[in-house]
């Protein structure tokens, strides 16, 4: 009987300890979120106010994070800022996500394909061309045929315009030395809407809805496109498709570290 009581007491203590560790971890992560939100140096008092934690609790967490170089203390104003460990971790994370974007995007491409059974492609920017790095082709007899590895100049077709719209002016002028007002307005509209509907720009009879995928620097090096015969892409259904694809592109952007709302 005594043995059972000791066992139960030990189990309760272990569970309490685990709960305490989890609570401390969550508090530490929430504290770091504050730095991402305000993007500045913060004092112990600032952090306590923004996290609704006591000053003593914040001090303990900040001290632990500082000991492991996740935060650094400015000895002049006694405020804290993001440390080298977090920066290094972020760089490693960004590289990992960019290398593995095709794997991360697979379930999303499958989801879109099963919903619409139209050709869905994932594209990346390569110099002055866009390259398909993954695709799900429609199983319907009449469909848009896209091949992995296929490279098309950015100036040819609607998907390329997604990349062009978000290029720096200097990069854009290398492709279009003399940018017309109509082209500038087109790129401006794409940036405002964050999508493009293309009809027969590269292949007559094919309609496509393309959306950008933003990375950590809010740049566009990837895009997704849903395409098929114009007859199956009615204007009445365009808005629903755009809203659905927009949610997917936002999820993929978040995977690449983009936290811009």
Protein backbone atom coordinates (compact mmCIF):
# COMPACT_ATOMS: atom_id res chain seq x y z
CA UNK A 1 0.00 0.00 0.00
CA UNK A 2 2.83 2.37 0.91
CA UNK A 3 4.57 1.53 -2.35
CA UNK A 4 1.47 2.50 -4.32
CA UNK A 5 1.22 5.82 -2.49
CA UNK A 6 4.88 6.57 -3.23
CA UNK A 7 4.34 5.70 -6.90
CA UNK A 8 1.28 7.97 -7.14
CA UNK A 9 3.10 10.80 -5.37
CA UNK A 10 6.09 10.42 -7.72
CA UNK A 11 3.80 10.40 -10.75
CA UNK A 12 2.04 13.58 -9.58
CA UNK A 13 5.36 15.32 -8.97
CA UNK A 14 6.69 14.30 -12.40
CA UNK A 15 3.52 15.52 -14.12
CA UNK A 16 3.69 18.82 -12.24
CA UNK A 17 7.33 19.23 -13.21
CA UNK A 18 6.49 18.53 -16.87
CA UNK A 19 3.68 21.08 -16.74
CA UNK A 20 6.05 23.65 -15.23
CA UNK A 21 8.60 23.04 -17.99
CA UNK A 22 5.93 23.35 -20.67
CA UNK A 23 4.58 26.57 -19.15
CA UNK A 24 8.09 28.06 -19.02
CA UNK A 25 8.73 27.06 -22.64
CA UNK A 26 5.48 28.62 -23.84
CA UNK A 27 6.26 31.82 -21.93
CA UNK A 28 9.74 31.99 -23.46
CA UNK A 29 8.34 31.52 -26.98
CA UNK A 30 5.65 34.16 -26.39
CA UNK A 31 8.35 36.49 -25.14
CA UNK A 32 10.39 36.02 -28.31
CA UNK A 33 7.26 36.67 -30.36
CA UNK A 34 7.14 40.14 -28.81
CA UNK A 35 10.54 40.94 -30.33
CA UNK A 36 9.31 39.82 -33.78
CA UNK A 37 6.23 42.00 -33.42
CA UNK A 38 7.93 45.20 -32.26
CA UNK A 39 11.30 44.71 -34.03
CA UNK A 40 13.20 46.83 -31.52
CA UNK A 41 15.10 46.72 -28.25
CA UNK A 42 12.90 46.12 -25.22
CA UNK A 43 13.44 46.58 -21.51
CA UNK A 44 12.34 44.11 -18.84
CA UNK A 45 9.46 46.47 -18.05
CA UNK A 46 8.45 46.70 -21.72
CA UNK A 47 8.36 42.93 -22.04
CA UNK A 48 6.42 42.48 -18.80
CA UNK A 49 3.81 44.97 -19.97
CA UNK A 50 3.40 43.41 -23.42
CA UNK A 51 3.31 39.80 -22.18
CA UNK A 52 1.22 40.41 -19.04
CA UNK A 53 3.88 38.59 -17.01
CA UNK A 54 5.40 39.78 -13.75
CA UNK A 55 8.74 41.59 -13.88
CA UNK A 56 10.38 38.80 -11.86
CA UNK A 57 9.12 36.11 -14.28
CA UNK A 58 10.30 38.09 -17.31
CA UNK A 59 13.68 38.64 -15.67
CA UNK A 60 14.16 34.89 -15.14
CA UNK A 61 13.21 34.03 -18.72
CA UNK A 62 15.31 36.82 -20.24
CA UNK A 63 18.30 35.82 -18.12
CA UNK A 64 18.03 32.21 -19.33
CA UNK A 65 17.66 33.26 -22.99
CA UNK A 66 20.59 35.66 -22.67
CA UNK A 67 22.77 32.93 -21.18
CA UNK A 68 22.26 30.95 -24.39
CA UNK A 69 22.69 34.02 -26.66
CA UNK A 70 19.08 34.03 -27.86
CA UNK A 71 18.88 37.55 -26.49
CA UNK A 72 21.64 40.12 -25.98
CA UNK A 73 21.64 42.93 -23.41
CA UNK A 74 22.57 46.44 -24.47
CA UNK A 75 24.74 47.50 -21.54
CA UNK A 76 24.21 51.19 -22.28
CA UNK A 77 20.41 51.38 -22.08
CA UNK A 78 19.90 47.98 -20.34
CA UNK A 79 17.48 46.86 -23.05
CA UNK A 80 17.50 43.51 -24.87
CA UNK A 81 17.57 42.60 -28.54
CA UNK A 82 17.61 39.43 -30.67
CA UNK A 83 20.85 37.49 -30.25
CA UNK A 84 23.14 35.63 -32.69
CA UNK A 85 21.68 32.20 -31.91
CA UNK A 86 18.24 33.23 -33.17
CA UNK A 87 19.72 34.95 -36.23
CA UNK A 88 21.74 31.86 -37.10
CA UNK A 89 18.73 29.63 -36.53
CA UNK A 90 16.66 31.86 -38.81
CA UNK A 91 19.22 31.73 -41.61
CA UNK A 92 19.42 27.94 -41.39
CA UNK A 93 15.62 27.76 -41.40
CA UNK A 94 15.29 29.98 -44.47
CA UNK A 95 17.83 27.93 -46.44
CA UNK A 96 16.16 24.69 -45.40
CA UNK A 97 12.70 25.90 -46.43
CA UNK A 98 13.91 27.21 -49.79
CA UNK A 99 15.71 23.98 -50.61
CA UNK A 100 12.73 21.89 -49.58
CA UNK A 101 9.93 24.07 -50.98
CA UNK A 102 8.89 21.38 -53.45
CA UNK A 103 8.43 18.83 -50.64
CA UNK A 104 6.59 21.32 -48.45
CA UNK A 105 4.31 22.30 -51.32
CA UNK A 106 3.34 18.75 -52.32
CA UNK A 107 0.32 18.35 -50.01
CA UNK A 108 -0.96 21.77 -51.07
CA UNK A 109 -0.65 20.96 -54.77
CA UNK A 110 -2.42 17.65 -54.14
CA UNK A 111 -5.18 19.49 -52.30
CA UNK A 112 -5.75 21.93 -55.18
CA UNK A 113 -5.62 19.12 -57.75
CA UNK A 114 -8.21 17.00 -55.94
CA UNK A 115 -10.51 19.99 -55.60
CA UNK A 116 -10.44 21.16 -59.23
CA UNK A 117 -8.74 18.45 -61.33
CA UNK A 118 -7.07 21.15 -63.38
CA UNK A 119 -3.36 21.54 -63.98
CA UNK A 120 -1.62 23.08 -60.97
CA UNK A 121 2.04 24.07 -61.22
CA UNK A 122 4.71 25.35 -58.84
CA UNK A 123 7.22 27.68 -60.49
CA UNK A 124 10.49 29.28 -59.51
CA UNK A 125 12.40 32.25 -60.84
CA UNK A 126 15.58 31.46 -62.76
CA UNK A 127 17.29 34.48 -64.28
CA UNK A 128 14.93 35.91 -66.88
CA UNK A 129 12.87 32.71 -67.06
CA UNK A 130 10.41 30.81 -64.91
CA UNK A 131 10.87 27.09 -64.40
CA UNK A 132 8.27 24.53 -63.37
CA UNK A 133 9.56 22.56 -60.36
CA UNK A 134 6.43 20.52 -59.67
CA UNK A 135 3.09 19.93 -61.35
CA UNK A 136 -0.16 18.00 -61.13
CA UNK A 137 -1.68 17.64 -64.60
CA UNK A 138 -5.42 17.38 -65.03
CA UNK A 139 -6.65 13.88 -65.86
CA UNK A 140 -9.20 15.32 -68.28
CA UNK A 141 -8.59 14.71 -71.97
CA UNK A 142 -8.51 18.41 -72.77
CA UNK A 143 -6.00 20.02 -70.43
CA UNK A 144 -3.03 22.34 -70.09
CA UNK A 145 0.14 20.25 -70.46
CA UNK A 146 3.02 21.37 -68.23
CA UNK A 147 6.29 19.51 -67.70
CA UNK A 148 8.64 19.65 -64.73
CA UNK A 149 11.83 21.43 -65.72
CA UNK A 150 10.12 23.35 -68.49
CA UNK A 151 11.63 26.82 -68.81
CA UNK A 152 9.79 29.77 -70.36
CA UNK A 153 10.98 33.40 -70.65
CA UNK A 154 9.28 35.71 -68.15
CA UNK A 155 8.08 37.89 -71.00
CA UNK A 156 6.17 34.95 -72.49
CA UNK A 157 2.88 34.14 -70.76
CA UNK A 158 0.92 35.22 -67.73
CA UNK A 159 2.83 33.38 -65.00
CA UNK A 160 6.00 35.26 -65.85
CA UNK A 161 4.17 38.52 -65.17
CA UNK A 162 3.78 37.50 -61.52
CA UNK A 163 7.57 37.44 -61.14
CA UNK A 164 8.05 40.59 -63.22
CA UNK A 165 5.52 42.56 -61.16
CA UNK A 166 7.57 42.09 -57.98
CA UNK A 167 11.03 42.61 -59.46
CA UNK A 168 13.27 45.48 -58.48
CA UNK A 169 13.21 48.26 -61.08
CA UNK A 170 16.83 47.60 -62.03
CA UNK A 171 16.18 43.90 -62.64
CA UNK A 172 13.01 44.67 -64.57
CA UNK A 173 14.78 47.10 -66.90
CA UNK A 174 17.22 44.36 -67.92
CA UNK A 175 14.28 42.46 -69.41
CA UNK A 176 12.27 45.50 -70.55
CA UNK A 177 14.69 48.38 -71.31
CA UNK A 178 11.71 50.54 -72.26
CA UNK A 179 8.79 49.77 -69.97
CA UNK A 180 5.51 51.05 -71.36
CA UNK A 181 2.86 52.74 -69.25
CA UNK A 182 0.45 49.89 -69.98
CA UNK A 183 2.98 47.36 -68.67
CA UNK A 184 3.64 49.40 -65.54
CA UNK A 185 -0.11 49.60 -64.87
CA UNK A 186 -0.43 45.86 -65.40
CA UNK A 187 2.32 45.11 -62.84
CA UNK A 188 0.80 47.63 -60.41
CA UNK A 189 -2.57 45.87 -60.65
CA UNK A 190 -0.94 42.50 -60.00
CA UNK A 191 0.74 43.85 -56.86
CA UNK A 192 -2.51 45.39 -55.64
CA UNK A 193 -4.55 42.22 -56.25
CA UNK A 194 -1.75 39.70 -55.52
CA UNK A 195 -3.00 37.50 -58.34
CA UNK A 196 -3.22 37.46 -62.13
CA UNK A 197 -5.81 36.02 -64.50
CA UNK A 198 -4.23 35.18 -67.84
CA UNK A 199 -6.20 34.28 -70.95
CA UNK A 200 -4.40 32.89 -73.97
CA UNK A 201 -1.25 34.95 -73.47
CA UNK A 202 1.01 32.02 -74.32
CA UNK A 203 -1.34 29.29 -75.52
CA UNK A 204 -4.62 30.20 -77.21
CA UNK A 205 -7.65 28.84 -75.35
CA UNK A 206 -5.84 28.35 -72.03
CA UNK A 207 -6.82 30.35 -68.97
CA UNK A 208 -4.66 30.54 -65.85
CA UNK A 209 -4.89 32.00 -62.38
CA UNK A 210 -1.43 32.70 -60.96
CA UNK A 211 -0.43 33.89 -57.49
CA UNK A 212 2.89 34.90 -55.90
CA UNK A 213 4.59 33.15 -53.00
CA UNK A 214 6.52 35.56 -50.79
CA UNK A 215 9.72 34.67 -48.96
CA UNK A 216 11.24 35.99 -45.72
CA UNK A 217 12.37 39.20 -47.46
CA UNK A 218 8.90 39.69 -48.99
CA UNK A 219 10.36 38.88 -52.42
CA UNK A 220 8.75 36.59 -54.98
CA UNK A 221 10.88 33.71 -56.21
CA UNK A 222 8.05 31.17 -56.40
CA UNK A 223 4.51 31.18 -57.77
CA UNK A 224 1.60 28.79 -58.25
CA UNK A 225 -0.72 28.62 -61.23
CA UNK A 226 -4.00 26.82 -61.87
CA UNK A 227 -4.66 26.45 -65.60
CA UNK A 228 -6.93 24.75 -68.08
CA UNK A 229 -9.27 25.29 -71.05
CA UNK A 230 -11.03 28.63 -70.89
CA UNK A 231 -14.40 26.88 -71.20
CA UNK A 232 -13.92 25.29 -67.74
CA UNK A 233 -12.85 28.57 -66.10
CA UNK A 234 -16.00 30.65 -65.97
CA UNK A 235 -15.87 34.21 -64.65
CA UNK A 236 -18.49 33.28 -62.04
CA UNK A 237 -16.07 30.73 -60.52
CA UNK A 238 -12.93 32.86 -60.76
CA UNK A 239 -13.45 34.60 -57.42
CA UNK A 240 -13.89 31.32 -55.53
CA UNK A 241 -10.74 29.88 -57.14
CA UNK A 242 -8.76 33.03 -56.36
CA UNK A 243 -9.83 33.03 -52.71
CA UNK A 244 -8.98 29.35 -52.35
CA UNK A 245 -5.59 29.65 -54.05
CA UNK A 246 -4.81 32.79 -52.06
CA UNK A 247 -5.10 30.82 -48.81
CA UNK A 248 -2.69 28.23 -50.22
CA UNK A 249 -0.17 30.84 -51.39
CA UNK A 250 -0.30 32.49 -47.95
CA UNK A 251 0.41 29.16 -46.26
CA UNK A 252 3.38 28.54 -48.57
CA UNK A 253 4.63 32.08 -47.96
CA UNK A 254 4.47 31.46 -44.23
CA UNK A 255 6.51 28.28 -44.69
CA UNK A 256 9.18 30.41 -46.36
CA UNK A 257 9.22 32.69 -43.32
CA UNK A 258 7.00 35.47 -44.61
CA UNK A 259 5.01 36.89 -41.70
CA UNK A 260 3.62 39.95 -43.47
CA UNK A 261 -0.18 39.96 -42.97
